Amino acid sequence: MKGQYGYLHRQLRRAWAAQVALGGILCARCGERIDPGEPWDLGHRDGSRVEYAGPEHARCNRATNRKRYSREW
């Protein structure tokens, strides 16, 4: 993660990590709870690479990556 994301991203993720570890944080994408120990990402707002939406399940965040490159027929 260090090479791909800058200082601000790492600081924000670190700030969220303690809260996510305690439980009760909702995924910014699907609205479901992120369980302690469950993989999560600090998600960006759709269409932006600089605005953060908040913690998201890793599966929710990474599923959007595929949609970005799919064709619209």
C-alpha atoms as a PDB file:
ATOM      1  CA  MET A   1       0.000   0.000   0.000  1.00  0.00           C
ATOM      2  CA  LYS A   2       2.861   2.373   0.696  1.00  0.00           C
ATOM      3  CA  GLY A   3       3.874   2.831  -2.941  1.00  0.00           C
ATOM      4  CA  GLN A   4       0.379   3.294  -4.344  1.00  0.00           C
ATOM      5  CA  TYR A   5      -1.121   5.742  -1.844  1.00  0.00           C
ATOM      6  CA  GLY A   6       0.304   8.951  -0.462  1.00  0.00           C
ATOM      7  CA  TYR A   7       0.787  10.291   3.022  1.00  0.00           C
ATOM      8  CA  LEU A   8      -2.751  11.699   3.411  1.00  0.00           C
ATOM      9  CA  HIS A   9      -4.355   8.390   2.453  1.00  0.00           C
ATOM     10  CA  ARG A  10      -2.198   6.465   4.908  1.00  0.00           C
ATOM     11  CA  GLN A  11      -2.956   8.949   7.705  1.00  0.00           C
ATOM     12  CA  LEU A  12      -6.719   8.825   7.086  1.00  0.00           C
ATOM     13  CA  ARG A  13      -6.699   5.035   6.938  1.00  0.00           C
ATOM     14  CA  ARG A  14      -4.735   4.871  10.184  1.00  0.00           C
ATOM     15  CA  ALA A  15      -7.254   7.225  11.835  1.00  0.00           C
ATOM     16  CA  TRP A  16     -10.180   5.027  10.734  1.00  0.00           C
ATOM     17  CA  ALA A  17      -8.430   1.747  11.620  1.00  0.00           C
ATOM     18  CA  ALA A  18      -9.003   2.027  15.380  1.00  0.00           C
ATOM     19  CA  GLN A  19     -12.725   2.672  14.893  1.00  0.00           C
ATOM     20  CA  VAL A  20     -13.126  -0.127  12.355  1.00  0.00           C
ATOM     21  CA  ALA A  21     -11.309  -2.523  14.719  1.00  0.00           C
ATOM     22  CA  LEU A  22     -13.893  -1.800  17.431  1.00  0.00           C
ATOM     23  CA  GLY A  23     -16.788  -2.595  15.096  1.00  0.00           C
ATOM     24  CA  GLY A  24     -19.929  -0.655  14.356  1.00  0.00           C
ATOM     25  CA  ILE A  25     -18.570   1.215  11.331  1.00  0.00           C
ATOM     26  CA  LEU A  26     -20.781   0.970   8.256  1.00  0.00           C
ATOM     27  CA  CYS A  27     -19.442   0.452   4.758  1.00  0.00           C
ATOM     28  CA  ALA A  28     -19.669   3.724   2.838  1.00  0.00           C
ATOM     29  CA  ARG A  29     -20.656   1.793  -0.291  1.00  0.00           C
ATOM     30  CA  CYS A  30     -23.206  -0.859   0.782  1.00  0.00           C
ATOM     31  CA  GLY A  31     -24.238   0.404   4.230  1.00  0.00           C
ATOM     32  CA  GLU A  32     -23.601  -2.939   5.952  1.00  0.00           C
ATOM     33  CA  ARG A  33     -21.462  -3.228   9.069  1.00  0.00           C
ATOM     34  CA  ILE A  34     -17.733  -3.882   8.701  1.00  0.00           C
ATOM     35  CA  ASP A  35     -16.923  -6.587  11.237  1.00  0.00           C
ATOM     36  CA  PRO A  36     -13.722  -6.327  13.295  1.00  0.00           C
ATOM     37  CA  GLY A  37     -10.940  -8.190  11.497  1.00  0.00           C
ATOM     38  CA  GLU A  38     -12.750  -8.062   8.153  1.00  0.00           C
ATOM     39  CA  PRO A  39     -10.682  -6.712   5.233  1.00  0.00           C
ATOM     40  CA  TRP A  40     -11.550  -3.099   4.437  1.00  0.00           C
ATOM     41  CA  ASP A  41     -10.325  -0.254   2.255  1.00  0.00           C
ATOM     42  CA  LEU A  42     -10.536   3.496   2.538  1.00  0.00           C
ATOM     43  CA  GLY A  43     -12.846   4.131  -0.403  1.00  0.00           C
ATOM     44  CA  HIS A  44     -12.945   7.103  -2.735  1.00  0.00           C
ATOM     45  CA  ARG A  45     -16.116   8.862  -3.792  1.00  0.00           C
ATOM     46  CA  ASP A  46     -17.276   7.700  -7.206  1.00  0.00           C
ATOM     47  CA  GLY A  47     -15.629   9.686  -9.966  1.00  0.00           C
ATOM     48  CA  SER A  48     -12.941  11.146  -7.701  1.00  0.00           C
ATOM     49  CA  ARG A  49      -9.470   9.982  -6.823  1.00  0.00           C
ATOM     50  CA  VAL A  50      -8.989  12.686  -4.183  1.00  0.00           C
ATOM     51  CA  GLU A  51     -12.251  12.694  -2.179  1.00  0.00           C
ATOM     52  CA  TYR A  52     -12.709   9.909   0.341  1.00  0.00           C
ATOM     53  CA  ALA A  53     -16.063   8.291   1.108  1.00  0.00           C
ATOM     54  CA  GLY A  54     -14.823   6.421   4.183  1.00  0.00           C
ATOM     55  CA  PRO A  55     -14.239   2.792   5.111  1.00  0.00           C
ATOM     56  CA  GLU A  56     -15.653   0.194   2.724  1.00  0.00           C
ATOM     57  CA  HIS A  57     -15.587  -3.578   2.698  1.00  0.00           C
ATOM     58  CA  ALA A  58     -12.635  -4.591   0.535  1.00  0.00           C
ATOM     59  CA  ARG A  59     -15.027  -6.609  -1.657  1.00  0.00           C
ATOM     60  CA  CYS A  60     -17.319  -3.592  -2.179  1.00  0.00           C
ATOM     61  CA  ASN A  61     -14.480  -1.221  -2.970  1.00  0.00           C
ATOM     62  CA  ARG A  62     -12.708  -3.563  -5.344  1.00  0.00           C
ATOM     63  CA  ALA A  63     -15.902  -4.530  -7.171  1.00  0.00           C
ATOM     64  CA  THR A  64     -16.188  -0.928  -8.402  1.00  0.00           C
ATOM     65  CA  ASN A  65     -12.785  -1.203 -10.070  1.00  0.00           C
ATOM     66  CA  ARG A  66     -14.154  -3.731 -12.569  1.00  0.00           C
ATOM     67  CA  LYS A  67     -17.183  -1.588 -13.377  1.00  0.00           C
ATOM     68  CA  ARG A  68     -15.023   1.383 -14.234  1.00  0.00           C
ATOM     69  CA  TYR A  69     -13.483  -0.440 -17.172  1.00  0.00           C
ATOM     70  CA  SER A  70     -16.495  -2.343 -18.444  1.00  0.00           C
ATOM     71  CA  ARG A  71     -18.153  -1.355 -21.690  1.00  0.00           C
ATOM     72  CA  GLU A  72     -21.618   0.104 -21.826  1.00  0.00           C
ATOM     73  CA  TRP A  73     -23.590  -1.471 -24.663  1.00  0.00           C
END
